[in-house]
């Protein structure tokens, strides 16, 4: 079904529009000594099994600069009783060598509720760390760089949602998890790209408001009979891809397989052989083992899948997320040493946001 409409701040009656503010974070506390991060024969021996995982995507000359941090981080995780959650867009040395749990937003949201740890280090962007804190308020949640934001999350506020409800009274609101806590507190249910269609249809209504990704909203609308009212947000990584770009890859090699994320524009989706979330894209490659594949999403994910499936050749239209790339091994180590930067969510906002996130997490498949 065609999208029912797309709205942005300029379409609503904003008298005092306030963009979302990040919650204050605690400063360093309970600091430990910084461990040595020099390359030694001992470090080489103790990290050799980890390098085996990434040797196809990390050159040998680079590993000596990474391995000491990998060893120190893994040791400190034990001392802090900490777990590291890493999104699929993290770089291979983080994703494969220090992360305890990896996946897309839905997987990480679910696992955040299960981990038996005192500390969660979120290797992703800020809304993901907020979601972990919302679901596990008793745990200390750290993000190695609080500047790791998201163009989608910053495009909409809780005030925007309240004004949308005034404009469309009685219409339920679905929020993509790529939103701040104050937005999650104002909506009926959250979704990820994995389950967006399922979430929309679970509401048993003929119309929904979907914030903030207009392209994911258009994809959802194409997959359901529910009318979708969208917000004018977009991912700064996925919106840069074009259908013409993908046509050039196919013209160069008609046998190449193209798989795309639903945050991409419609002309990109039209050229793709498969469309799905990051987790679904990874599973598609695992199941189909194409000879050559174009993975149309943040390009570090291709590195991570390449490390697992070296026989698959990845053609990389390399758009990097500048926010994801703020998370680095030195910053993760600093985070564990100094217990920073802690993510805090106002308890009243967290309580309301928890309902919309848990409704998504507990939605039956």
Protein backbone atom coordinates (compact mmCIF):
# COMPACT_ATOMS: atom_id res chain seq x y z
CA UNK A 1 0.00 0.00 0.00
CA UNK A 2 1.37 3.50 -0.78
CA UNK A 3 2.48 5.53 2.21
CA UNK A 4 -0.39 7.58 3.67
CA UNK A 5 1.71 10.69 4.33
CA UNK A 6 5.08 11.89 5.57
CA UNK A 7 5.37 14.55 8.26
CA UNK A 8 8.21 16.51 9.83
CA UNK A 9 8.60 19.30 12.40
CA UNK A 10 7.62 21.95 9.82
CA UNK A 11 4.24 20.25 9.39
CA UNK A 12 3.29 20.48 13.07
CA UNK A 13 2.37 23.42 15.27
CA UNK A 14 5.56 23.88 17.24
CA UNK A 15 5.39 26.83 19.59
CA UNK A 16 8.47 25.90 21.53
CA UNK A 17 10.18 23.04 19.79
CA UNK A 18 12.90 21.47 21.92
CA UNK A 19 15.15 18.92 20.33
CA UNK A 20 16.03 15.84 22.33
CA UNK A 21 18.74 16.23 24.93
CA UNK A 22 20.97 13.43 26.07
CA UNK A 23 20.74 12.62 29.79
CA UNK A 24 23.60 13.63 32.00
CA UNK A 25 26.19 10.97 32.67
CA UNK A 26 28.17 10.16 35.68
CA UNK A 27 31.85 10.99 35.77
CA UNK A 28 34.70 8.56 36.32
CA UNK A 29 34.35 6.38 39.42
CA UNK A 30 36.01 3.32 40.88
CA UNK A 31 38.90 3.74 38.46
CA UNK A 32 41.44 0.97 38.05
CA UNK A 33 45.05 1.31 36.88
CA UNK A 34 45.41 1.44 33.13
CA UNK A 35 46.91 -1.89 32.02
CA UNK A 36 49.92 -1.95 29.71
CA UNK A 37 49.10 -2.03 26.01
CA UNK A 38 52.44 -3.01 24.52
CA UNK A 39 52.88 -5.81 21.98
CA UNK A 40 54.84 -8.68 23.55
CA UNK A 41 55.44 -12.34 22.71
CA UNK A 42 53.07 -13.24 25.56
CA UNK A 43 50.31 -11.05 24.11
CA UNK A 44 50.93 -12.62 20.70
CA UNK A 45 50.49 -16.13 22.13
CA UNK A 46 47.44 -15.29 24.22
CA UNK A 47 45.56 -13.58 21.38
CA UNK A 48 46.56 -15.92 18.54
CA UNK A 49 43.22 -17.76 18.66
CA UNK A 50 41.38 -14.46 18.32
CA UNK A 51 43.45 -13.36 15.37
CA UNK A 52 42.47 -16.59 13.63
CA UNK A 53 38.89 -15.25 13.58
CA UNK A 54 39.80 -12.02 11.79
CA UNK A 55 42.91 -12.82 9.77
CA UNK A 56 41.04 -12.56 6.48
CA UNK A 57 39.93 -8.97 7.20
CA UNK A 58 42.70 -7.55 9.44
CA UNK A 59 46.23 -7.49 7.94
CA UNK A 60 48.98 -9.03 10.10
CA UNK A 61 50.75 -5.67 10.29
CA UNK A 62 47.75 -4.14 12.10
CA UNK A 63 47.18 -6.85 14.70
CA UNK A 64 50.09 -5.87 17.03
CA UNK A 65 48.43 -2.47 17.55
CA UNK A 66 45.09 -4.11 18.42
CA UNK A 67 46.01 -7.25 20.34
CA UNK A 68 47.24 -5.57 23.56
CA UNK A 69 43.91 -3.71 23.83
CA UNK A 70 41.97 -6.89 23.10
CA UNK A 71 43.83 -8.74 25.87
CA UNK A 72 43.41 -5.89 28.37
CA UNK A 73 39.69 -5.49 27.62
CA UNK A 74 38.97 -9.19 27.96
CA UNK A 75 40.83 -9.30 31.28
CA UNK A 76 39.00 -6.25 32.63
CA UNK A 77 35.62 -7.68 31.65
CA UNK A 78 36.23 -10.44 34.15
CA UNK A 79 37.31 -8.04 36.89
CA UNK A 80 34.34 -5.74 36.35
CA UNK A 81 31.79 -8.55 35.81
CA UNK A 82 31.00 -6.77 32.56
CA UNK A 83 29.61 -7.87 29.21
CA UNK A 84 30.14 -6.14 25.90
CA UNK A 85 27.20 -5.85 23.51
CA UNK A 86 28.29 -5.04 19.97
CA UNK A 87 26.13 -4.09 17.02
CA UNK A 88 26.70 -5.68 13.61
CA UNK A 89 28.23 -2.40 12.38
CA UNK A 90 31.16 -2.51 14.79
CA UNK A 91 34.61 -3.12 13.33
CA UNK A 92 35.95 -6.72 13.20
CA UNK A 93 38.39 -6.41 16.09
CA UNK A 94 35.51 -5.32 18.36
CA UNK A 95 32.82 -7.56 16.91
CA UNK A 96 34.92 -10.74 16.83
CA UNK A 97 37.51 -10.29 19.56
CA UNK A 98 36.01 -8.52 22.60
CA UNK A 99 32.22 -8.68 22.22
CA UNK A 100 30.24 -11.18 24.28
CA UNK A 101 26.94 -10.64 22.46
CA UNK A 102 26.58 -9.42 18.88
CA UNK A 103 23.60 -8.74 16.68
CA UNK A 104 21.10 -6.23 15.39
CA UNK A 105 19.07 -3.85 17.54
CA UNK A 106 16.39 -6.44 18.34
CA UNK A 107 18.90 -9.09 19.35
CA UNK A 108 20.79 -6.67 21.59
CA UNK A 109 17.57 -5.35 23.15
CA UNK A 110 16.53 -8.89 24.04
CA UNK A 111 19.92 -9.98 25.31
CA UNK A 112 20.24 -6.87 27.49
CA UNK A 113 17.42 -8.28 29.63
CA UNK A 114 19.15 -11.65 30.09
CA UNK A 115 22.77 -10.90 30.87
CA UNK A 116 24.01 -11.80 34.33
CA UNK A 117 26.47 -8.97 34.81
CA UNK A 118 26.92 -5.81 36.83
CA UNK A 119 28.08 -3.73 33.87
CA UNK A 120 26.97 -3.51 30.24
CA UNK A 121 29.35 -1.84 27.78
CA UNK A 122 27.33 -0.90 24.72
CA UNK A 123 29.41 -0.87 21.55
CA UNK A 124 26.93 0.83 19.30
CA UNK A 125 25.19 4.18 19.37
CA UNK A 126 23.56 6.08 22.19
CA UNK A 127 19.95 5.01 21.72
CA UNK A 128 21.09 1.38 22.03
CA UNK A 129 22.76 2.11 25.36
CA UNK A 130 19.64 3.92 26.52
CA UNK A 131 17.55 0.90 25.56
CA UNK A 132 19.82 -1.38 27.58
CA UNK A 133 19.47 0.94 30.59
CA UNK A 134 15.69 1.09 30.17
CA UNK A 135 15.46 -2.71 30.17
CA UNK A 136 18.10 -3.25 32.88
CA UNK A 137 17.83 -0.25 35.23
CA UNK A 138 19.71 -2.06 37.99
CA UNK A 139 22.82 -2.46 35.84
CA UNK A 140 25.50 0.10 35.10
CA UNK A 141 25.40 0.83 31.37
CA UNK A 142 28.44 2.42 29.75
CA UNK A 143 29.03 3.74 26.25
CA UNK A 144 32.68 4.28 25.28
CA UNK A 145 31.87 7.57 23.50
CA UNK A 146 28.67 9.47 24.29
CA UNK A 147 28.98 11.34 20.98
CA UNK A 148 28.03 8.15 19.16
CA UNK A 149 24.61 9.37 18.11
CA UNK A 150 22.23 8.61 15.27
CA UNK A 151 20.72 10.80 12.57
CA UNK A 152 17.41 8.98 12.95
CA UNK A 153 17.27 9.32 16.71
CA UNK A 154 18.04 13.03 16.53
CA UNK A 155 15.32 13.68 13.94
CA UNK A 156 12.34 13.26 16.27
CA UNK A 157 11.46 14.14 19.89
CA UNK A 158 8.82 13.20 22.40
CA UNK A 159 7.21 16.57 21.73
CA UNK A 160 6.93 15.65 18.05
CA UNK A 161 5.10 12.45 18.97
CA UNK A 162 2.66 14.32 21.22
CA UNK A 163 1.89 16.74 18.39
CA UNK A 164 1.40 13.87 15.95
CA UNK A 165 -1.12 12.36 18.36
CA UNK A 166 -2.97 15.68 18.42
CA UNK A 167 -3.02 15.78 14.62
CA UNK A 168 -4.13 12.14 14.28
CA UNK A 169 -6.16 11.37 17.42
CA UNK A 170 -6.62 7.71 18.20
CA UNK A 171 -3.97 6.49 15.75
CA UNK A 172 -1.37 4.25 17.44
CA UNK A 173 2.28 5.22 17.18
CA UNK A 174 5.11 2.82 16.38
CA UNK A 175 8.69 3.94 17.04
CA UNK A 176 11.71 2.38 15.42
CA UNK A 177 14.21 1.56 18.17
CA UNK A 178 16.51 4.17 16.59
CA UNK A 179 14.92 6.77 18.87
CA UNK A 180 15.69 8.43 22.18
CA UNK A 181 14.14 7.38 25.48
CA UNK A 182 11.77 10.36 25.53
CA UNK A 183 10.33 9.24 22.17
CA UNK A 184 9.96 5.64 23.32
CA UNK A 185 8.10 6.97 26.37
CA UNK A 186 5.45 8.58 24.14
CA UNK A 187 4.66 5.72 21.75
CA UNK A 188 2.58 2.56 21.92
CA UNK A 189 5.23 0.07 20.83
CA UNK A 190 8.74 -0.05 19.40
CA UNK A 191 10.03 -2.08 16.48
CA UNK A 192 13.23 -2.90 14.66
CA UNK A 193 13.78 -3.48 10.98
CA UNK A 194 13.54 -7.21 11.76
CA UNK A 195 9.99 -7.06 13.04
CA UNK A 196 8.53 -3.75 11.81
CA UNK A 197 5.84 -5.35 9.62
CA UNK A 198 4.92 -7.79 12.39
CA UNK A 199 4.65 -4.96 14.93
CA UNK A 200 2.48 -2.80 12.68
CA UNK A 201 0.10 -5.66 11.96
CA UNK A 202 -0.03 -6.69 15.64
CA UNK A 203 -1.89 -3.49 16.47
CA UNK A 204 -5.00 -4.63 14.57
CA UNK A 205 -5.75 -1.18 13.21
CA UNK A 206 -6.17 0.24 9.71
CA UNK A 207 -3.71 3.14 10.23
CA UNK A 208 -0.51 3.66 12.21
CA UNK A 209 1.95 6.49 12.73
CA UNK A 210 5.54 5.31 12.16
CA UNK A 211 8.55 7.31 13.37
CA UNK A 212 11.20 8.29 12.47
CA UNK A 213 12.51 6.51 9.32
CA UNK A 214 10.54 7.45 6.21
CA UNK A 215 12.21 4.78 4.07
CA UNK A 216 11.57 1.95 6.52
CA UNK A 217 7.99 3.26 6.75
CA UNK A 218 7.67 3.08 2.96
CA UNK A 219 9.03 -0.47 2.97
CA UNK A 220 6.58 -1.48 5.70
CA UNK A 221 3.73 0.13 3.77
CA UNK A 222 4.67 -1.94 0.71
CA UNK A 223 4.40 -5.14 2.76
CA UNK A 224 1.04 -4.57 4.49
CA UNK A 225 -2.47 -3.26 3.93
CA UNK A 226 -2.18 -1.01 6.98
CA UNK A 227 -2.00 2.71 6.13
CA UNK A 228 1.29 4.18 7.36
CA UNK A 229 1.78 7.83 8.31
CA UNK A 230 5.52 8.44 8.32
CA UNK A 231 8.01 10.89 9.79
CA UNK A 232 10.65 12.68 7.67
CA UNK A 233 13.68 10.98 9.16
CA UNK A 234 16.42 9.04 7.37
CA UNK A 235 19.64 7.18 8.13
CA UNK A 236 22.61 9.18 6.89
CA UNK A 237 24.33 5.95 5.81
CA UNK A 238 21.50 4.19 3.99
CA UNK A 239 20.01 7.23 2.27
CA UNK A 240 23.27 7.74 0.34
CA UNK A 241 22.81 4.54 -1.66
CA UNK A 242 21.06 4.80 -5.03
CA UNK A 243 19.41 2.41 -7.44
CA UNK A 244 21.68 3.62 -10.25
CA UNK A 245 24.72 2.67 -8.18
CA UNK A 246 23.41 -0.87 -7.79
CA UNK A 247 22.60 -1.11 -11.50
CA UNK A 248 26.28 -0.44 -12.22
CA UNK A 249 27.31 -3.36 -10.02
CA UNK A 250 24.82 -5.64 -11.79
CA UNK A 251 25.89 -4.42 -15.24
CA UNK A 252 29.49 -5.22 -14.36
CA UNK A 253 28.55 -8.71 -13.15
CA UNK A 254 24.99 -9.95 -13.84
CA UNK A 255 25.55 -12.88 -11.47
CA UNK A 256 26.20 -10.70 -8.43
CA UNK A 257 23.62 -10.89 -5.64
CA UNK A 258 22.42 -7.64 -4.06
CA UNK A 259 20.94 -7.54 -0.56
CA UNK A 260 19.74 -4.32 1.04
CA UNK A 261 18.60 -2.91 4.35
CA UNK A 262 15.02 -1.56 4.44
CA UNK A 263 16.29 1.84 5.62
CA UNK A 264 17.43 2.35 2.01
CA UNK A 265 15.38 4.44 -0.47
CA UNK A 266 12.75 2.63 -2.59
CA UNK A 267 14.85 2.69 -5.79
CA UNK A 268 17.55 0.75 -3.93
CA UNK A 269 15.04 -1.79 -2.59
CA UNK A 270 13.70 -2.24 -6.13
CA UNK A 271 17.17 -3.28 -7.37
CA UNK A 272 17.85 -5.70 -4.51
CA UNK A 273 17.46 -9.48 -4.66
CA UNK A 274 16.71 -9.55 -0.94
CA UNK A 275 15.72 -6.93 1.64
CA UNK A 276 16.04 -7.44 5.37
CA UNK A 277 17.47 -6.32 8.69
CA UNK A 278 21.16 -6.71 9.44
CA UNK A 279 20.48 -10.07 11.11
CA UNK A 280 18.35 -11.25 8.18
CA UNK A 281 21.01 -10.12 5.70
CA UNK A 282 23.69 -12.07 7.56
CA UNK A 283 21.51 -15.17 7.70
CA UNK A 284 20.73 -14.84 3.99
CA UNK A 285 24.45 -14.94 3.16
CA UNK A 286 24.99 -17.89 5.51
CA UNK A 287 22.13 -19.81 3.95
CA UNK A 288 22.79 -18.99 0.29
CA UNK A 289 26.61 -18.70 0.19
CA UNK A 290 26.63 -16.54 -2.96
CA UNK A 291 29.85 -16.35 -4.92
CA UNK A 292 29.73 -12.53 -4.97
CA UNK A 293 27.38 -10.30 -3.00
CA UNK A 294 26.78 -6.58 -2.58
CA UNK A 295 25.68 -5.94 1.00
CA UNK A 296 23.91 -2.57 0.93
CA UNK A 297 24.34 -1.32 4.48
CA UNK A 298 27.12 0.02 6.72
CA UNK A 299 30.21 -1.60 5.30
CA UNK A 300 31.85 -2.92 8.47
CA UNK A 301 29.17 -5.58 8.55
CA UNK A 302 30.59 -7.03 5.33
CA UNK A 303 33.97 -7.33 7.07
CA UNK A 304 32.39 -9.23 9.97
CA UNK A 305 30.55 -11.66 7.70
CA UNK A 306 33.67 -12.04 5.53
CA UNK A 307 35.61 -13.11 8.63
CA UNK A 308 33.06 -15.88 9.16
CA UNK A 309 32.62 -16.80 5.48
CA UNK A 310 35.93 -16.18 3.71
CA UNK A 311 34.78 -18.05 0.60
CA UNK A 312 32.17 -15.36 -0.17
CA UNK A 313 33.43 -12.34 -2.09
CA UNK A 314 31.93 -9.08 -0.85
CA UNK A 315 31.64 -6.13 -3.21
CA UNK A 316 31.69 -3.19 -0.81
CA UNK A 317 29.86 0.04 -1.60
CA UNK A 318 31.49 1.41 1.52
CA UNK A 319 29.34 3.87 3.44
CA UNK A 320 30.57 4.14 7.02
CA UNK A 321 28.53 5.32 10.00
CA UNK A 322 30.61 8.08 11.62
CA UNK A 323 28.86 7.48 14.95
CA UNK A 324 29.52 3.73 15.09
CA UNK A 325 33.15 4.42 14.25
CA UNK A 326 33.54 6.55 17.38
CA UNK A 327 33.67 3.27 19.30
CA UNK A 328 37.25 1.98 19.32
CA UNK A 329 39.35 -0.47 21.32
CA UNK A 330 41.17 2.30 23.27
CA UNK A 331 37.81 3.89 24.20
CA UNK A 332 36.37 0.55 25.31
CA UNK A 333 39.40 -0.01 27.51
CA UNK A 334 39.11 3.49 28.96
CA UNK A 335 35.43 2.86 29.60
CA UNK A 336 36.17 -0.26 31.64
CA UNK A 337 39.12 1.28 33.48
CA UNK A 338 37.32 4.48 34.48
CA UNK A 339 33.68 3.28 34.38
CA UNK A 340 32.65 5.87 31.83
CA UNK A 341 30.61 7.13 30.14
CA UNK A 342 27.62 6.03 32.18
CA UNK A 343 24.22 6.25 30.53
CA UNK A 344 21.42 7.50 32.78
CA UNK A 345 17.73 7.75 31.95
CA UNK A 346 15.21 9.69 34.03
CA UNK A 347 13.26 7.02 35.98
CA UNK A 348 9.86 8.44 34.99
CA UNK A 349 10.78 8.45 31.29
CA UNK A 350 12.39 5.02 31.62
CA UNK A 351 9.26 3.51 33.16
CA UNK A 352 7.10 4.73 30.27
CA UNK A 353 9.68 3.79 27.64
CA UNK A 354 10.08 0.32 29.13
CA UNK A 355 6.46 -0.52 28.36
CA UNK A 356 6.86 0.21 24.64
CA UNK A 357 10.18 -1.65 24.39
CA UNK A 358 8.99 -4.68 26.38
CA UNK A 359 5.85 -4.86 24.28
CA UNK A 360 8.14 -5.28 21.27
CA UNK A 361 10.55 -7.68 22.98
CA UNK A 362 7.75 -9.97 24.13
CA UNK A 363 5.82 -9.91 20.86
CA UNK A 364 5.30 -13.50 19.76
CA UNK A 365 6.99 -14.48 16.50
